[in-house]
């Protein structure tokens, strides 16, 4: 299972730095390389809105039909030219997220996706800054300890297929 917690700070410099629409800062997990699958949380600082979706927003904003899982108003003064801290935790078939320490949603049901990338992103081709991006395991901590295998030079080892990616 790909249970992870992601965190990143982002800042969108000013309204003059983009041409149209509400630019979003995003983080996501279990994402494919095209930003079209996975679980992604985006915040629009200008409109003080958040969106949890399957895959990121389309270039220029908006989402494909059926992609939005949940959305709402950001409970804090997000605004432009301010650093925002965005957190997303994905455990099994549930996701939780926060903005600047304020809960946006808790344990929202999501579809299973066992592997993919952690990511940062945006909804537009406009300036955005990211800082302090981190990915940590959100798996249960009471897992049994496994013995460390010992290998010697020339020993044959095997490989297993990778976990499936996405849907």
Foldseek 3Di string as FASTA:
>chain_A
DQWKKKKKKKAAADPVQDDDDQKWKKKFFLAAPVQQAGWMWIARLVQQKIWIFGGDAAAVGDHPPPTTQDMDGHPDNRHHRDIKMKMWTDDAQFIWIHINPHTPDGGRGHDGFPHHDIDIDMRYPTDMDMDDIDMDGPDDPPDDDDDDDDDDPPDDDDDDDDDDGGD
